């Protein structure tokens, strides 16, 4: 299938990876914290930026740049749901896999994790959520009791019968996954890769990434089978999802 050039949200044709490389080549800035994503998490950025704004107000200064940074990072979280709705429309009754619960890889730290807000919003919209994390699930079991989701012991279990999968944390396990095989059990192959870890679009999938645009394949009707646990999936692999290629902020 022919590919198209990535198109940014403003239609300029910019690709977030190229933009980040260009800005990061300035040694005064560096590339380490320029990755696009679902907004920051953890205990530091949010707390420290809010503290700086409060300090500025004490001296009569509104800190507009810091305030804008907070607003942009908050907006990124709602962007995930907007992209799901753009393809699936109503999310009530849809099955969504969330891969990654910790706010960053190699930790079980759940503080201000974007995955929390994503699962909470999916709950509000009536979706069934299946979540997986290589490390953080035991901690989430204690700290996220107010959320409704099913635990999955593997990526394959999480995505089986799903209408969409959200990659919320850039774990190496997800980077190195055989996605063509993993997605074969999905009901529809819609992937929201909020960490831009996929370097290629899986076969027959709609792939949404941050700051990039991907071509979309047309829908193919595939017969379905219902498993003993009630999960319904296509026979012979997931069916591609009909959609239009669109920019990602």
Protein backbone atom coordinates (compact mmCIF):
# COMPACT_ATOMS: atom_id res chain seq x y z
CA UNK A 1 0.00 0.00 0.00
CA UNK A 2 1.41 3.44 -0.85
CA UNK A 3 2.23 5.67 2.08
CA UNK A 4 1.63 9.34 2.58
CA UNK A 5 3.80 11.97 4.13
CA UNK A 6 3.01 12.61 7.80
CA UNK A 7 0.84 15.66 8.34
CA UNK A 8 0.70 17.60 11.57
CA UNK A 9 -2.42 18.96 13.26
CA UNK A 10 -1.96 22.37 11.62
CA UNK A 11 -1.57 20.87 8.13
CA UNK A 12 2.02 22.09 7.73
CA UNK A 13 3.38 18.64 6.93
CA UNK A 14 5.63 18.67 9.99
CA UNK A 15 6.50 15.37 11.68
CA UNK A 16 6.99 15.50 15.45
CA UNK A 17 10.06 13.26 15.25
CA UNK A 18 11.81 15.59 12.82
CA UNK A 19 10.80 18.65 14.83
CA UNK A 20 12.15 17.11 18.05
CA UNK A 21 15.43 16.15 16.37
CA UNK A 22 15.84 19.66 15.05
CA UNK A 23 15.16 21.36 18.38
CA UNK A 24 17.15 18.77 20.32
CA UNK A 25 20.24 19.28 18.19
CA UNK A 26 20.72 22.53 20.08
CA UNK A 27 23.05 21.47 22.90
CA UNK A 28 21.43 23.99 25.22
CA UNK A 29 18.17 22.02 24.93
CA UNK A 30 19.00 18.40 24.09
CA UNK A 31 16.59 15.70 22.86
CA UNK A 32 15.90 13.72 26.06
CA UNK A 33 12.57 15.29 27.04
CA UNK A 34 11.16 16.18 23.65
CA UNK A 35 9.23 12.98 22.96
CA UNK A 36 5.57 13.45 22.12
CA UNK A 37 3.11 11.63 24.31
CA UNK A 38 -0.01 11.63 26.43
CA UNK A 39 1.23 14.32 28.78
CA UNK A 40 3.54 14.13 31.75
CA UNK A 41 2.92 12.04 34.85
CA UNK A 42 4.61 11.27 38.13
CA UNK A 43 5.09 13.43 41.16
CA UNK A 44 7.59 16.00 39.86
CA UNK A 45 6.53 17.97 36.78
CA UNK A 46 2.97 18.67 37.85
CA UNK A 47 3.87 19.55 41.43
CA UNK A 48 6.90 21.66 40.53
CA UNK A 49 5.21 23.66 37.78
CA UNK A 50 2.23 24.38 40.03
CA UNK A 51 4.56 25.47 42.81
CA UNK A 52 6.41 27.84 40.48
CA UNK A 53 3.13 29.37 39.33
CA UNK A 54 2.08 29.89 42.96
CA UNK A 55 5.41 31.50 43.74
CA UNK A 56 5.05 33.80 40.73
CA UNK A 57 1.60 34.90 41.87
CA UNK A 58 3.03 35.83 45.26
CA UNK A 59 5.21 38.34 43.42
CA UNK A 60 2.48 39.52 41.07
CA UNK A 61 3.54 37.51 38.00
CA UNK A 62 1.20 35.04 36.27
CA UNK A 63 3.80 32.68 34.73
CA UNK A 64 1.92 32.33 31.41
CA UNK A 65 4.45 29.97 29.79
CA UNK A 66 4.28 27.50 32.67
CA UNK A 67 0.50 27.72 32.73
CA UNK A 68 0.41 26.94 29.02
CA UNK A 69 2.66 23.91 29.57
CA UNK A 70 0.24 22.55 32.17
CA UNK A 71 -2.75 23.14 29.91
CA UNK A 72 -1.09 21.42 26.93
CA UNK A 73 -0.09 18.37 28.96
CA UNK A 74 -3.58 18.11 30.41
CA UNK A 75 -5.12 18.40 26.95
CA UNK A 76 -3.02 15.49 25.66
CA UNK A 77 -4.92 13.11 27.94
CA UNK A 78 -8.31 14.00 26.50
CA UNK A 79 -6.82 13.70 23.02
CA UNK A 80 -6.60 9.91 23.46
CA UNK A 81 -10.34 9.59 24.00
CA UNK A 82 -11.07 11.97 21.13
CA UNK A 83 -9.11 9.74 18.78
CA UNK A 84 -10.93 6.64 19.95
CA UNK A 85 -14.26 8.36 19.38
CA UNK A 86 -13.20 9.54 15.93
CA UNK A 87 -12.92 5.90 14.83
CA UNK A 88 -15.32 4.03 17.12
CA UNK A 89 -17.83 6.84 17.73
CA UNK A 90 -19.82 5.74 20.80
CA UNK A 91 -17.57 3.85 23.21
CA UNK A 92 -20.37 2.28 25.24
CA UNK A 93 -20.04 -1.48 24.97
CA UNK A 94 -16.67 -1.30 23.23
CA UNK A 95 -13.75 -3.34 24.58
CA UNK A 96 -10.54 -1.31 24.97
CA UNK A 97 -7.14 -2.67 26.01
CA UNK A 98 -4.87 -0.28 27.93
CA UNK A 99 -1.23 -1.32 27.86
CA UNK A 100 0.85 0.35 30.55
CA UNK A 101 -0.40 1.71 33.85
CA UNK A 102 2.71 3.25 35.43
CA UNK A 103 3.46 6.81 34.35
CA UNK A 104 6.79 5.70 32.86
CA UNK A 105 8.57 2.38 32.20
CA UNK A 106 10.75 0.50 34.68
CA UNK A 107 8.70 1.53 37.71
CA UNK A 108 5.40 0.73 39.39
CA UNK A 109 4.81 4.41 40.19
CA UNK A 110 1.19 5.31 39.41
CA UNK A 111 1.22 8.91 40.61
CA UNK A 112 -0.60 11.12 38.10
CA UNK A 113 -0.27 8.41 35.43
CA UNK A 114 -2.06 9.29 32.17
CA UNK A 115 -3.42 5.74 32.07
CA UNK A 116 -5.46 6.48 35.20
CA UNK A 117 -7.35 9.32 33.55
CA UNK A 118 -7.78 7.29 30.37
CA UNK A 119 -9.33 4.36 32.22
CA UNK A 120 -11.53 6.69 34.30
CA UNK A 121 -12.89 8.38 31.17
CA UNK A 122 -13.47 5.03 29.46
CA UNK A 123 -15.44 3.95 32.54
CA UNK A 124 -17.60 7.08 32.26
CA UNK A 125 -18.28 6.37 28.59
CA UNK A 126 -19.34 2.78 29.21
CA UNK A 127 -16.39 0.96 27.66
CA UNK A 128 -15.06 -2.34 28.98
CA UNK A 129 -11.40 -1.86 29.91
CA UNK A 130 -8.77 -4.58 30.01
CA UNK A 131 -5.42 -3.39 31.41
CA UNK A 132 -1.90 -4.79 31.46
CA UNK A 133 1.39 -3.60 32.92
CA UNK A 134 4.57 -5.68 33.35
CA UNK A 135 5.15 -4.36 36.90
CA UNK A 136 2.46 -2.00 38.19
CA UNK A 137 -0.67 -4.18 38.32
CA UNK A 138 -0.29 -5.25 41.98
CA UNK A 139 0.07 -1.62 43.05
CA UNK A 140 -2.86 -0.56 40.85
CA UNK A 141 -4.95 -3.27 42.52
CA UNK A 142 -4.46 -1.37 45.80
CA UNK A 143 -4.49 2.24 44.61
CA UNK A 144 -6.98 2.16 41.73
CA UNK A 145 -9.83 0.33 43.39
CA UNK A 146 -12.16 3.16 42.33
CA UNK A 147 -11.60 2.28 38.66
CA UNK A 148 -13.34 -0.49 36.75
CA UNK A 149 -11.06 -2.67 34.62
CA UNK A 150 -10.09 -6.27 34.07
CA UNK A 151 -6.51 -7.39 34.57
CA UNK A 152 -4.69 -9.23 31.79
CA UNK A 153 -1.60 -11.35 32.36
CA UNK A 154 -0.18 -10.67 28.89
CA UNK A 155 -0.49 -8.36 25.92
CA UNK A 156 -2.19 -11.11 23.94
CA UNK A 157 -4.81 -11.62 26.65
CA UNK A 158 -5.41 -7.88 26.92
CA UNK A 159 -6.03 -7.31 23.21
CA UNK A 160 -8.02 -10.47 22.44
CA UNK A 161 -11.47 -9.45 21.27
CA UNK A 162 -10.70 -5.74 21.74
CA UNK A 163 -12.02 -2.98 19.53
CA UNK A 164 -8.99 -0.82 20.26
CA UNK A 165 -5.69 -0.88 22.12
CA UNK A 166 -4.06 2.10 23.80
CA UNK A 167 -0.31 1.99 24.43
CA UNK A 168 0.01 4.25 27.46
CA UNK A 169 3.54 3.43 28.69
CA UNK A 170 6.65 2.81 26.59
CA UNK A 171 7.71 -0.48 28.15
CA UNK A 172 10.36 -2.44 26.21
CA UNK A 173 7.97 -5.39 26.25
CA UNK A 174 5.62 -3.35 24.10
CA UNK A 175 8.40 -1.99 21.87
CA UNK A 176 9.61 -5.51 21.10
CA UNK A 177 6.17 -7.06 20.69
CA UNK A 178 5.27 -8.95 17.51
CA UNK A 179 2.31 -6.70 16.84
CA UNK A 180 1.11 -8.51 13.74
CA UNK A 181 0.67 -11.62 15.86
CA UNK A 182 -0.65 -9.80 18.94
CA UNK A 183 -3.35 -7.90 17.06
CA UNK A 184 -4.64 -10.96 15.21
CA UNK A 185 -7.07 -11.68 18.06
CA UNK A 186 -8.65 -8.22 18.07
CA UNK A 187 -12.18 -7.56 16.93
CA UNK A 188 -10.98 -4.37 15.20
CA UNK A 189 -7.37 -3.36 14.71
CA UNK A 190 -7.30 0.19 16.08
CA UNK A 191 -4.07 1.14 17.85
CA UNK A 192 -3.62 4.42 19.73
CA UNK A 193 0.14 4.55 20.28
CA UNK A 194 0.49 7.47 22.68
CA UNK A 195 4.25 6.93 23.03
CA UNK A 196 5.16 6.53 19.35
CA UNK A 197 6.92 3.23 20.00
CA UNK A 198 5.79 1.56 16.77
CA UNK A 199 8.15 2.11 13.87
CA UNK A 200 5.86 0.31 11.39
CA UNK A 201 2.11 0.06 11.08
CA UNK A 202 0.89 -3.49 11.84
CA UNK A 203 -0.79 -5.26 8.94
CA UNK A 204 -4.36 -4.17 8.44
CA UNK A 205 -4.31 -1.80 11.41
CA UNK A 206 -5.38 1.76 11.93
CA UNK A 207 -2.42 3.29 13.75
CA UNK A 208 -2.73 6.63 15.52
CA UNK A 209 0.43 8.21 16.92
CA UNK A 210 1.19 11.57 18.47
CA UNK A 211 2.24 14.21 15.94
CA UNK A 212 2.07 11.82 12.99
CA UNK A 213 -0.41 10.73 10.36
CA UNK A 214 -0.79 7.17 9.13
CA UNK A 215 -2.58 5.73 6.10
CA UNK A 216 -5.72 3.73 6.84
CA UNK A 217 -6.90 0.55 5.14
CA UNK A 218 -10.53 -0.06 4.23
CA UNK A 219 -12.79 -2.32 6.24
CA UNK A 220 -13.00 -5.99 5.34
CA UNK A 221 -15.88 -8.14 6.56
CA UNK A 222 -14.57 -11.14 8.51
CA UNK A 223 -16.69 -13.88 10.16
CA UNK A 224 -16.53 -13.91 13.96
CA UNK A 225 -16.33 -16.58 16.64
CA UNK A 226 -17.35 -16.32 20.31
CA UNK A 227 -15.00 -17.82 22.89
CA UNK A 228 -16.14 -19.61 26.05
CA UNK A 229 -15.47 -16.50 28.16
CA UNK A 230 -17.79 -14.43 25.97
CA UNK A 231 -15.08 -12.61 24.01
CA UNK A 232 -15.91 -12.31 20.32
CA UNK A 233 -13.10 -12.17 17.76
CA UNK A 234 -12.82 -12.64 13.99
CA UNK A 235 -12.02 -16.05 12.56
CA UNK A 236 -8.54 -15.97 11.08
CA UNK A 237 -7.56 -12.63 12.57
CA UNK A 238 -8.84 -9.15 13.30
CA UNK A 239 -10.72 -7.16 10.71
CA UNK A 240 -9.26 -3.79 9.71
CA UNK A 241 -11.23 -0.77 10.88
CA UNK A 242 -12.72 1.61 8.39
CA UNK A 243 -11.51 5.14 8.99
CA UNK A 244 -9.85 8.12 7.41
CA UNK A 245 -6.26 9.06 7.92
CA UNK A 246 -6.09 12.04 10.19
CA UNK A 247 -3.50 14.19 11.95
CA UNK A 248 -2.57 13.73 15.57
CA UNK A 249 -1.70 16.58 17.87
